[in-house]
Amino acid sequence: MKKQKPGKSWELRLYVAGQTPKSILAFANLKKICEEHLAGEYTIEVIDLLENPQLAAGDQILAIPTLVRKLPQPIKKIIGDLSNTERVLVGLDLRPSDVNESAVGS
């Protein structure tokens, strides 16, 4: 599943193992975060390691689900179902100014 728009492009890969509840949740959380913070300027590539296990070696995937930010560089990885939005934003270097200030006091 891919979505892309011209301009600054974010290339994201989500590694999963089949259609497990955790994998489905990770994709749903990622899609929501991208729609809210990347304004459609992203590509999500979902890689199912049950179908293509050899693809895990390329990004050194040790746990699933794992999100890999390929672009913009540097490459970043986040492991888990991506339900902690603040952690995902920090991990992807997507810290909106309004979230930064409120997160400090939390």
Protein backbone atom coordinates (compact mmCIF):
# COMPACT_ATOMS: atom_id res chain seq x y z
CA MET A 1 0.00 0.00 0.00
CA LYS A 2 1.63 3.27 -1.09
CA LYS A 3 0.76 6.92 -1.10
CA GLN A 4 3.06 9.59 -2.47
CA LYS A 5 3.00 13.27 -3.33
CA PRO A 6 5.63 15.56 -4.82
CA GLY A 7 7.77 17.60 -2.42
CA LYS A 8 9.64 16.38 0.63
CA SER A 9 9.15 12.65 0.57
CA TRP A 10 9.21 10.30 3.54
CA GLU A 11 9.95 6.68 2.69
CA LEU A 12 8.74 4.32 5.41
CA ARG A 13 8.83 0.53 5.60
CA LEU A 14 6.75 -1.43 8.05
CA TYR A 15 7.94 -4.99 8.62
CA VAL A 16 5.24 -7.37 9.84
CA ALA A 17 4.64 -11.13 10.08
CA GLY A 18 1.23 -11.81 8.60
CA GLN A 19 -2.06 -10.13 9.45
CA THR A 20 -1.75 -10.40 13.23
CA PRO A 21 -3.65 -7.97 15.48
CA LYS A 22 -0.36 -6.26 16.41
CA SER A 23 0.63 -5.87 12.74
CA ILE A 24 -2.77 -4.45 11.80
CA LEU A 25 -2.63 -2.05 14.77
CA ALA A 26 0.89 -0.93 13.82
CA PHE A 27 -0.22 -0.14 10.26
CA ALA A 28 -3.34 1.72 11.44
CA ASN A 29 -1.31 3.77 13.93
CA LEU A 30 1.34 4.55 11.31
CA LYS A 31 -1.26 5.62 8.75
CA LYS A 32 -2.90 7.95 11.29
CA ILE A 33 0.42 9.52 12.29
CA CYS A 34 1.42 10.01 8.65
CA GLU A 35 -1.91 11.60 7.71
CA GLU A 36 -1.71 13.99 10.67
CA HIS A 37 1.97 14.94 10.52
CA LEU A 38 3.29 14.30 7.00
CA ALA A 39 0.46 15.86 4.98
CA GLY A 40 0.41 13.10 2.37
CA GLU A 41 4.12 13.44 1.56
CA TYR A 42 5.03 9.86 2.39
CA THR A 43 5.27 6.34 1.07
CA ILE A 44 4.50 3.33 3.25
CA GLU A 45 5.79 -0.04 2.11
CA VAL A 46 4.49 -2.98 4.14
CA ILE A 47 6.79 -5.99 4.02
CA ASP A 48 5.35 -9.28 5.24
CA LEU A 49 8.23 -11.41 6.46
CA LEU A 50 6.09 -14.56 6.32
CA GLU A 51 5.99 -14.11 2.53
CA ASN A 52 9.51 -12.67 2.08
CA PRO A 53 11.70 -13.60 5.08
CA GLN A 54 14.90 -12.81 3.17
CA LEU A 55 13.99 -9.09 3.19
CA ALA A 56 14.61 -8.89 6.96
CA ALA A 57 18.38 -9.00 6.46
CA GLY A 58 18.52 -5.82 4.35
CA ASP A 59 17.32 -3.56 7.19
CA GLN A 60 18.63 -5.87 9.96
CA ILE A 61 15.15 -6.59 11.34
CA LEU A 62 15.30 -8.48 14.64
CA ALA A 63 11.76 -7.95 15.97
CA ILE A 64 8.35 -7.28 14.46
CA PRO A 65 6.50 -5.11 13.85
CA THR A 66 9.35 -2.72 13.03
CA LEU A 67 9.07 0.64 11.29
CA VAL A 68 12.10 1.77 9.27
CA ARG A 69 12.44 5.34 8.06
CA LYS A 70 14.53 5.11 4.88
CA LEU A 71 14.16 8.75 3.81
CA PRO A 72 14.91 11.38 4.88
CA GLN A 73 18.21 10.06 6.14
CA PRO A 74 19.55 9.03 8.59
CA ILE A 75 17.73 5.70 8.76
CA LYS A 76 15.64 5.32 11.93
CA LYS A 77 13.93 2.23 13.39
CA ILE A 78 11.03 1.91 15.79
CA ILE A 79 9.93 -1.47 17.15
CA GLY A 80 6.38 -2.15 18.32
CA ASP A 81 2.77 -1.41 17.42
CA LEU A 82 3.38 2.38 17.21
CA SER A 83 0.59 3.09 19.70
CA ASN A 84 2.71 5.63 21.62
CA THR A 85 2.35 8.55 19.20
CA GLU A 86 4.81 10.81 21.02
CA ARG A 87 7.48 8.10 20.95
CA VAL A 88 6.92 7.58 17.22
CA LEU A 89 7.11 11.32 16.52
CA VAL A 90 10.35 11.62 18.48
CA GLY A 91 11.75 8.50 16.82
CA LEU A 92 11.00 9.84 13.35
CA ASP A 93 12.20 13.36 14.22
CA LEU A 94 8.67 14.67 13.69
CA ARG A 95 8.19 16.80 16.77
CA PRO A 96 5.52 19.43 16.09
CA SER A 97 6.10 22.51 18.23
CA ASP A 98 2.72 22.22 19.97
CA VAL A 99 3.45 18.60 20.99
CA ASN A 100 6.94 19.43 22.29
CA GLU A 101 5.73 21.97 24.80
CA SER A 102 2.82 19.91 26.13
CA ALA A 103 4.91 16.72 26.33
CA VAL A 104 7.46 18.35 28.64
CA GLY A 105 4.86 18.98 31.30
CA SER A 106 3.27 15.54 31.06
